[in-house]
Amino acid sequence: MRETQAIIERVRRISAQIQQLDLSVDSSLNQLQAGQTLYARLLENTGWNPYLREQWIPVAVRAGQMIIELTGGTYAPGQVVSILAPLGHPVPLRPHLTHLLMIAEDTMPTPLIWLARTLIARGVAVTLVLGGLALEYPLELLPPEVEILRGDSDWKWPDQIDTLSWADQVIALAPSYAQMTAYEGLYYTIAQVHQRNIPDGYILGLFYQRLACGAGACQACQIATHHGDRLICADGPAFDLKEIIFR
């Protein structure tokens, strides 16, 4: 990671919960890929400077500009932001990907948006299942090519067996407070459909939590896998659920 600065150029309230920030960023951030995020902190003389930075998730990136989507905080045009980036790795995609199934369960699908846009531009068919709180996301913000399915709670949605059968890969997003429990349930649901013959890298879970250092030094964001402990900040956010040790 390296530190740069960004300037907030515009703030848009797009729903009761969500706002978007247009950032003017250093050209080095043009190299970020979907899945990588920013570790950000406002630089202003307000008398209140939180020790911990916040993880900011891009939903669009173009030359010298980036759109960030947030569910909290108060921001204004002209504010300067200290950014450490990139945080994490791009979402790993299976080779010869033609059909991708994304699932957002009871959380806003913000971490999936940039990836969906990227893959649609490559001609990949993308289906997005929205369940619980995710149903409140403004659909007009999604690329029109994305097929939307409205799901129920507990990872249930229409035509579930068919969508899991034709998908070349599944990428899931659960709320940060319940990710291990939620992903365990999804994994065993998919295992039943595939008769427990799940290919490596077929089902990825995106892990997000409040990060302390963001650099792997504190070891606070460890996840146990069959190949040893991994770190959300350094190795994530995407992990193969087949490799996770659910406790």
C-alpha atoms as a PDB file:
ATOM      1  CA  MET A   1       0.000   0.000   0.000  1.00  0.00           C
ATOM      2  CA  ARG A   2       1.030   3.593  -0.527  1.00  0.00           C
ATOM      3  CA  GLU A   3      -0.450   6.816   0.796  1.00  0.00           C
ATOM      4  CA  THR A   4      -1.988   9.405  -1.501  1.00  0.00           C
ATOM      5  CA  GLN A   5      -4.554  12.147  -1.127  1.00  0.00           C
ATOM      6  CA  ALA A   6      -7.951  12.582  -2.753  1.00  0.00           C
ATOM      7  CA  ILE A   7     -10.414  15.456  -2.917  1.00  0.00           C
ATOM      8  CA  ILE A   8     -14.165  15.033  -2.544  1.00  0.00           C
ATOM      9  CA  GLU A   9     -15.679  16.753  -5.579  1.00  0.00           C
ATOM     10  CA  ARG A  10     -19.332  15.878  -5.157  1.00  0.00           C
ATOM     11  CA  VAL A  11     -21.651  14.238  -2.623  1.00  0.00           C
ATOM     12  CA  ARG A  12     -24.933  12.626  -3.693  1.00  0.00           C
ATOM     13  CA  ARG A  13     -27.612  11.182  -1.420  1.00  0.00           C
ATOM     14  CA  ILE A  14     -29.052   8.298  -3.437  1.00  0.00           C
ATOM     15  CA  SER A  15     -31.296   6.751  -0.796  1.00  0.00           C
ATOM     16  CA  ALA A  16     -32.153   7.115   2.874  1.00  0.00           C
ATOM     17  CA  GLN A  17     -29.142   4.949   3.763  1.00  0.00           C
ATOM     18  CA  ILE A  18     -26.637   5.489   0.960  1.00  0.00           C
ATOM     19  CA  GLN A  19     -24.549   8.364  -0.342  1.00  0.00           C
ATOM     20  CA  GLN A  20     -22.006   8.477  -3.133  1.00  0.00           C
ATOM     21  CA  LEU A  21     -18.785  10.494  -3.118  1.00  0.00           C
ATOM     22  CA  ASP A  22     -17.063  11.548  -6.333  1.00  0.00           C
ATOM     23  CA  LEU A  23     -13.327  11.636  -5.637  1.00  0.00           C
ATOM     24  CA  SER A  24     -10.482  13.168  -7.578  1.00  0.00           C
ATOM     25  CA  VAL A  25      -7.671  10.675  -6.979  1.00  0.00           C
ATOM     26  CA  ASP A  26      -4.014  10.120  -7.725  1.00  0.00           C
ATOM     27  CA  SER A  27      -3.367   8.422 -11.065  1.00  0.00           C
ATOM     28  CA  SER A  28      -1.801   5.450  -9.265  1.00  0.00           C
ATOM     29  CA  LEU A  29      -5.277   4.402  -8.109  1.00  0.00           C
ATOM     30  CA  ASN A  30      -6.320   3.815 -11.718  1.00  0.00           C
ATOM     31  CA  GLN A  31      -4.642   0.413 -11.339  1.00  0.00           C
ATOM     32  CA  LEU A  32      -7.119  -0.807  -8.719  1.00  0.00           C
ATOM     33  CA  GLN A  33      -9.341  -3.736  -9.679  1.00  0.00           C
ATOM     34  CA  ALA A  34     -12.747  -4.842  -8.460  1.00  0.00           C
ATOM     35  CA  GLY A  35     -12.436  -6.175  -4.920  1.00  0.00           C
ATOM     36  CA  GLN A  36      -9.653  -3.831  -3.884  1.00  0.00           C
ATOM     37  CA  THR A  37     -10.621  -0.974  -1.587  1.00  0.00           C
ATOM     38  CA  LEU A  38      -9.306   2.193   0.050  1.00  0.00           C
ATOM     39  CA  TYR A  39      -8.298   2.770   3.665  1.00  0.00           C
ATOM     40  CA  ALA A  40      -9.406   6.363   4.152  1.00  0.00           C
ATOM     41  CA  ARG A  41      -9.376   9.179   6.697  1.00  0.00           C
ATOM     42  CA  LEU A  42     -10.503  12.777   6.343  1.00  0.00           C
ATOM     43  CA  LEU A  43      -7.796  15.425   6.740  1.00  0.00           C
ATOM     44  CA  GLU A  44      -9.408  18.413   8.366  1.00  0.00           C
ATOM     45  CA  ASN A  45      -8.957  20.558  11.451  1.00  0.00           C
ATOM     46  CA  THR A  46     -12.183  19.651  13.234  1.00  0.00           C
ATOM     47  CA  GLY A  47     -10.696  18.663  16.564  1.00  0.00           C
ATOM     48  CA  TRP A  48     -11.911  15.096  15.972  1.00  0.00           C
ATOM     49  CA  ASN A  49      -9.588  12.763  14.111  1.00  0.00           C
ATOM     50  CA  PRO A  50     -10.467   9.091  14.614  1.00  0.00           C
ATOM     51  CA  TYR A  51      -7.511   6.792  15.084  1.00  0.00           C
ATOM     52  CA  LEU A  52      -8.947   4.094  12.847  1.00  0.00           C
ATOM     53  CA  ARG A  53      -9.335   4.656   9.150  1.00  0.00           C
ATOM     54  CA  GLU A  54     -12.439   3.522   7.280  1.00  0.00           C
ATOM     55  CA  GLN A  55     -12.628   1.057   4.441  1.00  0.00           C
ATOM     56  CA  TRP A  56     -14.093   2.779   1.376  1.00  0.00           C
ATOM     57  CA  ILE A  57     -15.489   0.645  -1.424  1.00  0.00           C
ATOM     58  CA  PRO A  58     -15.392   1.946  -5.019  1.00  0.00           C
ATOM     59  CA  VAL A  59     -18.352   1.316  -7.310  1.00  0.00           C
ATOM     60  CA  ALA A  60     -16.759   2.931 -10.389  1.00  0.00           C
ATOM     61  CA  VAL A  61     -13.238   3.938 -11.408  1.00  0.00           C
ATOM     62  CA  ARG A  62     -12.068   5.983 -14.363  1.00  0.00           C
ATOM     63  CA  ALA A  63      -8.963   8.043 -15.112  1.00  0.00           C
ATOM     64  CA  GLY A  64      -8.251  10.210 -12.091  1.00  0.00           C
ATOM     65  CA  GLN A  65     -11.728   9.750 -10.638  1.00  0.00           C
ATOM     66  CA  MET A  66     -13.472   7.284  -8.375  1.00  0.00           C
ATOM     67  CA  ILE A  67     -16.995   6.892  -7.015  1.00  0.00           C
ATOM     68  CA  ILE A  68     -17.303   5.631  -3.444  1.00  0.00           C
ATOM     69  CA  GLU A  69     -20.524   4.393  -1.865  1.00  0.00           C
ATOM     70  CA  LEU A  70     -21.032   4.823   1.895  1.00  0.00           C
ATOM     71  CA  THR A  71     -23.837   4.221   4.373  1.00  0.00           C
ATOM     72  CA  GLY A  72     -22.716   6.631   7.085  1.00  0.00           C
ATOM     73  CA  GLY A  73     -20.791   9.791   7.847  1.00  0.00           C
ATOM     74  CA  THR A  74     -21.100  13.425   6.816  1.00  0.00           C
ATOM     75  CA  TYR A  75     -19.032  14.686   3.908  1.00  0.00           C
ATOM     76  CA  ALA A  76     -18.766  17.849   1.829  1.00  0.00           C
ATOM     77  CA  PRO A  77     -17.157  18.858  -1.465  1.00  0.00           C
ATOM     78  CA  GLY A  78     -13.625  20.156  -1.031  1.00  0.00           C
ATOM     79  CA  GLN A  79     -12.681  17.884   1.847  1.00  0.00           C
ATOM     80  CA  VAL A  80      -9.279  16.232   1.523  1.00  0.00           C
ATOM     81  CA  VAL A  81      -8.910  12.521   2.221  1.00  0.00           C
ATOM     82  CA  SER A  82      -5.784  10.570   3.154  1.00  0.00           C
ATOM     83  CA  ILE A  83      -5.884   7.238   1.347  1.00  0.00           C
ATOM     84  CA  LEU A  84      -3.879   4.059   1.830  1.00  0.00           C
ATOM     85  CA  ALA A  85      -4.342   1.748  -1.139  1.00  0.00           C
ATOM     86  CA  PRO A  86      -4.752  -0.775  -2.470  1.00  0.00           C
ATOM     87  CA  LEU A  87      -6.316  -2.695   0.388  1.00  0.00           C
ATOM     88  CA  GLY A  88      -6.727  -6.388  -0.381  1.00  0.00           C
ATOM     89  CA  HIS A  89      -6.694  -8.306  -3.652  1.00  0.00           C
ATOM     90  CA  PRO A  90      -8.936  -8.299  -6.721  1.00  0.00           C
ATOM     91  CA  VAL A  91     -11.767 -10.825  -6.648  1.00  0.00           C
ATOM     92  CA  PRO A  92     -10.350 -14.003  -8.255  1.00  0.00           C
ATOM     93  CA  LEU A  93     -12.426 -15.155 -11.207  1.00  0.00           C
ATOM     94  CA  ARG A  94     -12.554 -18.627 -12.691  1.00  0.00           C
ATOM     95  CA  PRO A  95     -11.204 -19.007 -16.242  1.00  0.00           C
ATOM     96  CA  HIS A  96     -13.646 -18.966 -19.159  1.00  0.00           C
ATOM     97  CA  LEU A  97     -16.306 -17.258 -17.039  1.00  0.00           C
ATOM     98  CA  THR A  98     -19.538 -16.673 -18.976  1.00  0.00           C
ATOM     99  CA  HIS A  99     -22.257 -16.728 -16.282  1.00  0.00           C
ATOM    100  CA  LEU A 100     -21.783 -15.203 -12.822  1.00  0.00           C
ATOM    101  CA  LEU A 101     -24.244 -15.434  -9.947  1.00  0.00           C
ATOM    102  CA  MET A 102     -23.966 -12.771  -7.248  1.00  0.00           C
ATOM    103  CA  ILE A 103     -25.916 -12.901  -3.998  1.00  0.00           C
ATOM    104  CA  ALA A 104     -26.342 -10.089  -1.462  1.00  0.00           C
ATOM    105  CA  GLU A 105     -28.112 -11.288   1.678  1.00  0.00           C
ATOM    106  CA  ASP A 106     -29.371  -8.723   4.196  1.00  0.00           C
ATOM    107  CA  THR A 107     -26.725  -6.110   3.358  1.00  0.00           C
ATOM    108  CA  MET A 108     -26.279  -3.473   0.682  1.00  0.00           C
ATOM    109  CA  PRO A 109     -24.690  -4.938  -2.482  1.00  0.00           C
ATOM    110  CA  THR A 110     -22.145  -2.099  -2.792  1.00  0.00           C
ATOM    111  CA  PRO A 111     -19.068  -4.425  -2.897  1.00  0.00           C
ATOM    112  CA  LEU A 112     -20.573  -6.247  -5.896  1.00  0.00           C
ATOM    113  CA  ILE A 113     -21.352  -3.242  -8.104  1.00  0.00           C
ATOM    114  CA  TRP A 114     -17.916  -2.506  -9.563  1.00  0.00           C
ATOM    115  CA  LEU A 115     -17.321  -6.176 -10.344  1.00  0.00           C
ATOM    116  CA  ALA A 116     -20.710  -6.453 -12.052  1.00  0.00           C
ATOM    117  CA  ARG A 117     -19.948  -3.447 -14.256  1.00  0.00           C
ATOM    118  CA  THR A 118     -16.511  -4.792 -15.130  1.00  0.00           C
ATOM    119  CA  LEU A 119     -17.785  -8.220 -16.139  1.00  0.00           C
ATOM    120  CA  ILE A 120     -20.728  -6.932 -18.135  1.00  0.00           C
ATOM    121  CA  ALA A 121     -18.293  -4.845 -20.173  1.00  0.00           C
ATOM    122  CA  ARG A 122     -16.491  -8.127 -20.959  1.00  0.00           C
ATOM    123  CA  GLY A 123     -19.682  -9.815 -22.106  1.00  0.00           C
ATOM    124  CA  VAL A 124     -20.270 -11.946 -19.002  1.00  0.00           C
ATOM    125  CA  ALA A 125     -23.914 -12.598 -18.051  1.00  0.00           C
ATOM    126  CA  VAL A 126     -24.500 -11.438 -14.464  1.00  0.00           C
ATOM    127  CA  THR A 127     -27.423 -12.367 -12.205  1.00  0.00           C
ATOM    128  CA  LEU A 128     -27.786 -10.605  -8.850  1.00  0.00           C
ATOM    129  CA  VAL A 129     -29.929 -12.036  -6.057  1.00  0.00           C
ATOM    130  CA  LEU A 130     -31.064  -9.481  -3.480  1.00  0.00           C
ATOM    131  CA  GLY A 131     -32.437 -10.633  -0.135  1.00  0.00           C
ATOM    132  CA  GLY A 132     -33.427  -8.877   3.079  1.00  0.00           C
ATOM    133  CA  LEU A 133     -31.901  -5.412   3.458  1.00  0.00           C
ATOM    134  CA  ALA A 134     -30.354  -5.686  -0.010  1.00  0.00           C
ATOM    135  CA  LEU A 135     -33.842  -5.282  -1.504  1.00  0.00           C
ATOM    136  CA  GLU A 136     -33.745  -1.623  -0.426  1.00  0.00           C
ATOM    137  CA  TYR A 137     -30.868  -0.861  -2.796  1.00  0.00           C
ATOM    138  CA  PRO A 138     -31.892   1.532  -5.628  1.00  0.00           C
ATOM    139  CA  LEU A 139     -32.073  -0.712  -8.688  1.00  0.00           C
ATOM    140  CA  GLU A 140     -31.551   2.218 -11.056  1.00  0.00           C
ATOM    141  CA  LEU A 141     -27.923   2.344  -9.890  1.00  0.00           C
ATOM    142  CA  LEU A 142     -27.274  -1.121 -11.298  1.00  0.00           C
ATOM    143  CA  PRO A 143     -26.256  -1.725 -14.912  1.00  0.00           C
ATOM    144  CA  PRO A 144     -29.426  -2.488 -16.901  1.00  0.00           C
ATOM    145  CA  GLU A 145     -27.853  -5.705 -18.190  1.00  0.00           C
ATOM    146  CA  VAL A 146     -27.838  -7.240 -14.695  1.00  0.00           C
ATOM    147  CA  GLU A 147     -30.635  -9.754 -14.140  1.00  0.00           C
ATOM    148  CA  ILE A 148     -32.238  -9.113 -10.741  1.00  0.00           C
ATOM    149  CA  LEU A 149     -33.834 -11.851  -8.638  1.00  0.00           C
ATOM    150  CA  ARG A 150     -35.641 -11.010  -5.414  1.00  0.00           C
ATOM    151  CA  GLY A 151     -34.789 -13.507  -2.725  1.00  0.00           C
ATOM    152  CA  ASP A 152     -36.099 -14.404   0.695  1.00  0.00           C
ATOM    153  CA  SER A 153     -34.049 -14.724   3.845  1.00  0.00           C
ATOM    154  CA  ASP A 154     -31.656 -17.614   4.504  1.00  0.00           C
ATOM    155  CA  TRP A 155     -30.244 -17.738   0.970  1.00  0.00           C
ATOM    156  CA  LYS A 156     -33.447 -18.679  -0.828  1.00  0.00           C
ATOM    157  CA  TRP A 157     -34.483 -17.238  -4.181  1.00  0.00           C
ATOM    158  CA  PRO A 158     -36.589 -18.190  -7.241  1.00  0.00           C
ATOM    159  CA  ASP A 159     -35.220 -20.880  -9.573  1.00  0.00           C
ATOM    160  CA  GLN A 160     -32.426 -21.565  -7.118  1.00  0.00           C
ATOM    161  CA  ILE A 161     -31.389 -24.951  -8.477  1.00  0.00           C
ATOM    162  CA  ASP A 162     -31.365 -23.706 -12.076  1.00  0.00           C
ATOM    163  CA  THR A 163     -29.311 -20.597 -11.316  1.00  0.00           C
ATOM    164  CA  LEU A 164     -26.782 -22.576  -9.298  1.00  0.00           C
ATOM    165  CA  SER A 165     -26.547 -25.162 -12.061  1.00  0.00           C
ATOM    166  CA  TRP A 166     -25.737 -22.767 -14.897  1.00  0.00           C
ATOM    167  CA  ALA A 167     -23.513 -20.382 -12.923  1.00  0.00           C
ATOM    168  CA  ASP A 168     -19.796 -20.763 -13.622  1.00  0.00           C
ATOM    169  CA  GLN A 169     -19.068 -19.042 -10.319  1.00  0.00           C
ATOM    170  CA  VAL A 170     -20.961 -17.705  -7.295  1.00  0.00           C
ATOM    171  CA  ILE A 171     -19.920 -14.648  -5.283  1.00  0.00           C
ATOM    172  CA  ALA A 172     -21.792 -14.002  -2.042  1.00  0.00           C
ATOM    173  CA  LEU A 173     -22.033 -11.078   0.341  1.00  0.00           C
ATOM    174  CA  ALA A 174     -23.418 -11.320   3.888  1.00  0.00           C
ATOM    175  CA  PRO A 175     -23.576  -8.711   6.679  1.00  0.00           C
ATOM    176  CA  SER A 176     -20.300  -8.285   8.552  1.00  0.00           C
ATOM    177  CA  TYR A 177     -21.792  -9.254  11.920  1.00  0.00           C
ATOM    178  CA  ALA A 178     -22.877 -12.704  10.706  1.00  0.00           C
ATOM    179  CA  GLN A 179     -20.612 -13.637   7.828  1.00  0.00           C
ATOM    180  CA  MET A 180     -19.257 -16.944   9.122  1.00  0.00           C
ATOM    181  CA  THR A 181     -22.679 -18.280  10.074  1.00  0.00           C
ATOM    182  CA  ALA A 182     -24.300 -17.024   6.888  1.00  0.00           C
ATOM    183  CA  TYR A 183     -21.628 -18.380   4.566  1.00  0.00           C
ATOM    184  CA  GLU A 184     -21.686 -21.754   6.253  1.00  0.00           C
ATOM    185  CA  GLY A 185     -25.404 -22.026   5.502  1.00  0.00           C
ATOM    186  CA  LEU A 186     -24.927 -20.975   1.885  1.00  0.00           C
ATOM    187  CA  TYR A 187     -22.047 -23.366   1.368  1.00  0.00           C
ATOM    188  CA  TYR A 188     -24.041 -26.378   2.497  1.00  0.00           C
ATOM    189  CA  THR A 189     -27.011 -25.293   0.387  1.00  0.00           C
ATOM    190  CA  ILE A 190     -24.786 -25.231  -2.688  1.00  0.00           C
ATOM    191  CA  ALA A 191     -23.120 -28.499  -1.672  1.00  0.00           C
ATOM    192  CA  GLN A 192     -26.507 -30.218  -1.790  1.00  0.00           C
ATOM    193  CA  VAL A 193     -27.244 -28.874  -5.274  1.00  0.00           C
ATOM    194  CA  HIS A 194     -23.844 -29.999  -6.555  1.00  0.00           C
ATOM    195  CA  GLN A 195     -23.977 -33.288  -4.651  1.00  0.00           C
ATOM    196  CA  ARG A 196     -20.991 -32.099  -2.581  1.00  0.00           C
ATOM    197  CA  ASN A 197     -18.796 -31.943  -5.693  1.00  0.00           C
ATOM    198  CA  ILE A 198     -17.980 -28.241  -5.550  1.00  0.00           C
ATOM    199  CA  PRO A 199     -15.083 -27.136  -7.780  1.00  0.00           C
ATOM    200  CA  ASP A 200     -12.270 -25.069  -6.294  1.00  0.00           C
ATOM    201  CA  GLY A 201     -13.029 -21.369  -6.495  1.00  0.00           C
ATOM    202  CA  TYR A 202     -16.674 -21.927  -7.415  1.00  0.00           C
ATOM    203  CA  ILE A 203     -18.235 -20.227  -4.382  1.00  0.00           C
ATOM    204  CA  LEU A 204     -16.546 -17.136  -2.952  1.00  0.00           C
ATOM    205  CA  GLY A 205     -17.613 -15.225   0.128  1.00  0.00           C
ATOM    206  CA  LEU A 206     -16.692 -11.563   0.537  1.00  0.00           C
ATOM    207  CA  PHE A 207     -15.510 -10.742   4.060  1.00  0.00           C
ATOM    208  CA  TYR A 208     -15.701  -7.232   5.468  1.00  0.00           C
ATOM    209  CA  GLN A 209     -15.260  -6.114   9.058  1.00  0.00           C
ATOM    210  CA  ARG A 210     -13.980  -3.108  10.944  1.00  0.00           C
ATOM    211  CA  LEU A 211     -10.225  -3.176  10.349  1.00  0.00           C
ATOM    212  CA  ALA A 212      -7.671  -2.068  12.922  1.00  0.00           C
ATOM    213  CA  CYS A 213      -4.376  -1.669  11.054  1.00  0.00           C
ATOM    214  CA  GLY A 214      -5.262  -2.641   7.485  1.00  0.00           C
ATOM    215  CA  ALA A 215      -1.743  -3.958   6.921  1.00  0.00           C
ATOM    216  CA  GLY A 216      -1.815  -7.386   8.564  1.00  0.00           C
ATOM    217  CA  ALA A 217       0.334  -6.366  11.524  1.00  0.00           C
ATOM    218  CA  CYS A 218      -2.270  -6.739  14.263  1.00  0.00           C
ATOM    219  CA  GLN A 219      -3.601 -10.128  13.063  1.00  0.00           C
ATOM    220  CA  ALA A 220      -7.079  -9.119  14.254  1.00  0.00           C
ATOM    221  CA  CYS A 221      -8.883 -10.102  11.052  1.00  0.00           C
ATOM    222  CA  GLN A 222      -7.749 -13.729  10.814  1.00  0.00           C
ATOM    223  CA  ILE A 223      -9.849 -16.386   9.118  1.00  0.00           C
ATOM    224  CA  ALA A 224      -9.081 -20.063   9.607  1.00  0.00           C
ATOM    225  CA  THR A 225      -8.717 -22.032   6.368  1.00  0.00           C
ATOM    226  CA  HIS A 226      -7.507 -25.506   5.438  1.00  0.00           C
ATOM    227  CA  HIS A 227      -4.260 -23.857   4.288  1.00  0.00           C
ATOM    228  CA  GLY A 228      -3.648 -21.926   7.494  1.00  0.00           C
ATOM    229  CA  ASP A 229      -4.848 -18.621   8.849  1.00  0.00           C
ATOM    230  CA  ARG A 230      -5.550 -15.866   6.315  1.00  0.00           C
ATOM    231  CA  LEU A 231      -6.067 -12.144   6.834  1.00  0.00           C
ATOM    232  CA  ILE A 232      -9.087 -10.273   5.520  1.00  0.00           C
ATOM    233  CA  CYS A 233      -7.114  -7.052   5.040  1.00  0.00           C
ATOM    234  CA  ALA A 234      -4.136  -8.588   3.242  1.00  0.00           C
ATOM    235  CA  ASP A 235      -5.578 -11.690   1.561  1.00  0.00           C
ATOM    236  CA  GLY A 236      -9.252 -10.748   1.136  1.00  0.00           C
ATOM    237  CA  PRO A 237     -11.889  -9.740   0.707  1.00  0.00           C
ATOM    238  CA  ALA A 238     -12.792 -12.835  -1.341  1.00  0.00           C
ATOM    239  CA  PHE A 239     -12.228 -16.326   0.053  1.00  0.00           C
ATOM    240  CA  ASP A 240     -13.136 -19.715  -1.370  1.00  0.00           C
ATOM    241  CA  LEU A 241     -15.805 -21.041   1.002  1.00  0.00           C
ATOM    242  CA  LYS A 242     -14.607 -24.561   0.255  1.00  0.00           C
ATOM    243  CA  GLU A 243     -11.382 -23.666   2.085  1.00  0.00           C
ATOM    244  CA  ILE A 244     -12.948 -21.982   5.118  1.00  0.00           C
ATOM    245  CA  ILE A 245     -12.983 -23.849   8.431  1.00  0.00           C
ATOM    246  CA  PHE A 246     -16.432 -23.105   9.848  1.00  0.00           C
ATOM    247  CA  ARG A 247     -16.441 -23.440  13.627  1.00  0.00           C
END
